[in-house]
Amino acid sequence: MFDTRGIATILAALLFWSEEISPSGNDTARHYLKSVKMAGIEPLTVLEIQRLSTRLRRSHRQK
């Protein structure tokens, strides 16, 4: 699905999201979701982002 560089970029973006965007609340996060044509989607919480990151790492290692 994604190569190692793609996974690394996604994981870095998720880390940035959880550290810089999520703490400032959903209003900030919603702006970014709207900019990628995903308005109306509820942003992930920090815990959900951590779980998603773990799943991505595991699925990439299994290949």
N, C-alpha and C. Protein backbone atom coordinates (compact mmCIF):
# COMPACT_ATOMS: atom_id res chain seq x y z
N MET A 1 0.81 -1.18 0.00
CA MET A 1 0.00 0.00 0.00
C MET A 1 0.86 1.25 0.00
N PHE A 2 1.67 1.46 1.04
CA PHE A 2 2.60 2.59 1.11
C PHE A 2 4.01 2.05 1.27
N ASP A 3 4.97 2.74 0.68
CA ASP A 3 6.36 2.33 0.89
C ASP A 3 6.85 2.93 2.22
N THR A 4 8.10 2.62 2.58
CA THR A 4 8.64 3.05 3.86
C THR A 4 8.66 4.57 3.99
N ARG A 5 9.01 5.27 2.93
CA ARG A 5 9.01 6.73 2.98
C ARG A 5 7.61 7.29 3.19
N GLY A 6 6.64 6.68 2.55
CA GLY A 6 5.26 7.11 2.71
C GLY A 6 4.77 6.90 4.14
N ILE A 7 5.05 5.73 4.70
CA ILE A 7 4.67 5.44 6.08
C ILE A 7 5.36 6.41 7.04
N ALA A 8 6.65 6.65 6.82
CA ALA A 8 7.39 7.57 7.69
C ALA A 8 6.77 8.97 7.65
N THR A 9 6.39 9.42 6.48
CA THR A 9 5.78 10.74 6.34
C THR A 9 4.42 10.79 7.03
N ILE A 10 3.62 9.76 6.86
CA ILE A 10 2.31 9.70 7.51
C ILE A 10 2.47 9.67 9.03
N LEU A 11 3.40 8.87 9.54
CA LEU A 11 3.62 8.79 10.98
C LEU A 11 4.12 10.13 11.53
N ALA A 12 5.00 10.80 10.80
CA ALA A 12 5.47 12.12 11.24
C ALA A 12 4.33 13.13 11.25
N ALA A 13 3.47 13.08 10.24
CA ALA A 13 2.32 13.99 10.19
C ALA A 13 1.36 13.70 11.34
N LEU A 14 1.15 12.43 11.66
CA LEU A 14 0.28 12.09 12.78
C LEU A 14 0.87 12.56 14.11
N LEU A 15 2.17 12.44 14.27
CA LEU A 15 2.83 12.93 15.47
C LEU A 15 2.67 14.45 15.58
N PHE A 16 2.90 15.16 14.48
CA PHE A 16 2.72 16.61 14.47
C PHE A 16 1.28 16.95 14.84
N TRP A 17 0.33 16.24 14.22
CA TRP A 17 -1.09 16.49 14.49
C TRP A 17 -1.39 16.33 15.99
N SER A 18 -0.89 15.23 16.58
CA SER A 18 -1.20 14.97 17.99
C SER A 18 -0.50 15.95 18.93
N GLU A 19 0.68 16.44 18.55
CA GLU A 19 1.42 17.36 19.42
C GLU A 19 1.04 18.82 19.21
N GLU A 20 0.74 19.20 18.00
CA GLU A 20 0.56 20.62 17.69
C GLU A 20 -0.88 21.03 17.38
N ILE A 21 -1.66 20.16 16.80
CA ILE A 21 -2.99 20.55 16.36
C ILE A 21 -4.06 20.11 17.37
N SER A 22 -4.02 18.87 17.79
CA SER A 22 -5.05 18.35 18.71
C SER A 22 -5.16 19.14 20.01
N PRO A 23 -4.04 19.52 20.64
CA PRO A 23 -4.17 20.26 21.90
C PRO A 23 -4.90 21.60 21.78
N SER A 24 -4.91 22.19 20.60
CA SER A 24 -5.58 23.48 20.44
C SER A 24 -7.06 23.34 20.12
N GLY A 25 -7.55 22.12 20.07
CA GLY A 25 -8.98 21.89 19.91
C GLY A 25 -9.41 21.54 18.51
N ASN A 26 -10.66 21.15 18.40
CA ASN A 26 -11.19 20.68 17.13
C ASN A 26 -11.34 21.77 16.08
N ASP A 27 -11.47 23.02 16.50
CA ASP A 27 -11.62 24.09 15.51
C ASP A 27 -10.40 24.16 14.59
N THR A 28 -9.22 24.05 15.15
CA THR A 28 -8.00 24.06 14.35
C THR A 28 -7.94 22.83 13.45
N ALA A 29 -8.23 21.68 14.02
CA ALA A 29 -8.19 20.42 13.26
C ALA A 29 -9.20 20.44 12.12
N ARG A 30 -10.37 20.97 12.38
CA ARG A 30 -11.41 20.99 11.35
C ARG A 30 -10.98 21.81 10.13
N HIS A 31 -10.22 22.86 10.35
CA HIS A 31 -9.72 23.66 9.22
C HIS A 31 -8.91 22.79 8.27
N TYR A 32 -8.04 21.96 8.83
CA TYR A 32 -7.20 21.10 7.99
C TYR A 32 -8.02 20.02 7.29
N LEU A 33 -8.97 19.47 7.99
CA LEU A 33 -9.84 18.46 7.35
C LEU A 33 -10.64 19.10 6.21
N LYS A 34 -11.10 20.31 6.43
CA LYS A 34 -11.84 21.01 5.38
C LYS A 34 -10.93 21.26 4.17
N SER A 35 -9.67 21.58 4.41
CA SER A 35 -8.76 21.89 3.31
C SER A 35 -8.44 20.67 2.44
N VAL A 36 -8.65 19.47 2.98
CA VAL A 36 -8.46 18.24 2.19
C VAL A 36 -9.80 17.62 1.80
N LYS A 37 -10.82 18.47 1.76
CA LYS A 37 -12.16 18.07 1.31
C LYS A 37 -12.80 17.00 2.20
N MET A 38 -12.54 17.10 3.51
CA MET A 38 -13.11 16.15 4.47
C MET A 38 -13.88 16.89 5.57
N ALA A 39 -14.50 18.01 5.21
CA ALA A 39 -15.28 18.76 6.19
C ALA A 39 -16.38 17.86 6.74
N GLY A 40 -16.70 18.03 7.99
CA GLY A 40 -17.74 17.24 8.61
C GLY A 40 -17.24 15.98 9.29
N ILE A 41 -15.98 15.64 9.07
CA ILE A 41 -15.39 14.47 9.73
C ILE A 41 -14.90 14.91 11.11
N GLU A 42 -15.22 14.12 12.11
CA GLU A 42 -14.76 14.43 13.47
C GLU A 42 -13.26 14.12 13.57
N PRO A 43 -12.45 15.08 13.99
CA PRO A 43 -11.01 14.84 14.11
C PRO A 43 -10.71 13.75 15.15
N LEU A 44 -9.65 13.01 14.91
CA LEU A 44 -9.22 11.99 15.87
C LEU A 44 -8.69 12.65 17.13
N THR A 45 -8.87 11.96 18.25
CA THR A 45 -8.27 12.41 19.50
C THR A 45 -6.79 11.99 19.50
N VAL A 46 -6.04 12.49 20.47
CA VAL A 46 -4.63 12.11 20.58
C VAL A 46 -4.51 10.60 20.78
N LEU A 47 -5.36 10.03 21.61
CA LEU A 47 -5.32 8.57 21.83
C LEU A 47 -5.62 7.81 20.55
N GLU A 48 -6.60 8.26 19.79
CA GLU A 48 -6.93 7.61 18.52
C GLU A 48 -5.78 7.73 17.53
N ILE A 49 -5.10 8.85 17.53
CA ILE A 49 -3.93 9.03 16.65
C ILE A 49 -2.82 8.06 17.05
N GLN A 50 -2.60 7.91 18.34
CA GLN A 50 -1.57 6.97 18.81
C GLN A 50 -1.91 5.54 18.39
N ARG A 51 -3.18 5.17 18.51
CA ARG A 51 -3.59 3.82 18.10
C ARG A 51 -3.44 3.62 16.59
N LEU A 52 -3.81 4.63 15.83
CA LEU A 52 -3.66 4.56 14.37
C LEU A 52 -2.20 4.42 13.99
N SER A 53 -1.34 5.18 14.63
CA SER A 53 0.10 5.10 14.36
C SER A 53 0.64 3.70 14.65
N THR A 54 0.20 3.13 15.75
CA THR A 54 0.62 1.76 16.09
C THR A 54 0.16 0.78 15.04
N ARG A 55 -1.08 0.91 14.60
CA ARG A 55 -1.61 0.00 13.55
C ARG A 55 -0.82 0.15 12.25
N LEU A 56 -0.48 1.38 11.88
CA LEU A 56 0.28 1.61 10.65
C LEU A 56 1.67 0.98 10.75
N ARG A 57 2.32 1.15 11.90
CA ARG A 57 3.65 0.55 12.08
C ARG A 57 3.58 -0.97 11.98
N ARG A 58 2.59 -1.56 12.65
CA ARG A 58 2.45 -3.03 12.62
C ARG A 58 2.16 -3.53 11.21
N SER A 59 1.27 -2.87 10.52
CA SER A 59 0.91 -3.35 9.18
C SER A 59 2.09 -3.20 8.21
N HIS A 60 2.91 -2.21 8.42
CA HIS A 60 4.07 -2.01 7.54
C HIS A 60 5.14 -3.07 7.82
N ARG A 61 5.32 -3.46 9.07
CA ARG A 61 6.32 -4.46 9.44
C ARG A 61 5.94 -5.86 8.96
N GLN A 62 4.65 -6.11 8.80
CA GLN A 62 4.18 -7.44 8.42
C GLN A 62 4.45 -7.77 6.96
N LYS A 63 4.79 -6.79 6.18
CA LYS A 63 5.00 -7.02 4.74
C LYS A 63 6.33 -7.63 4.45
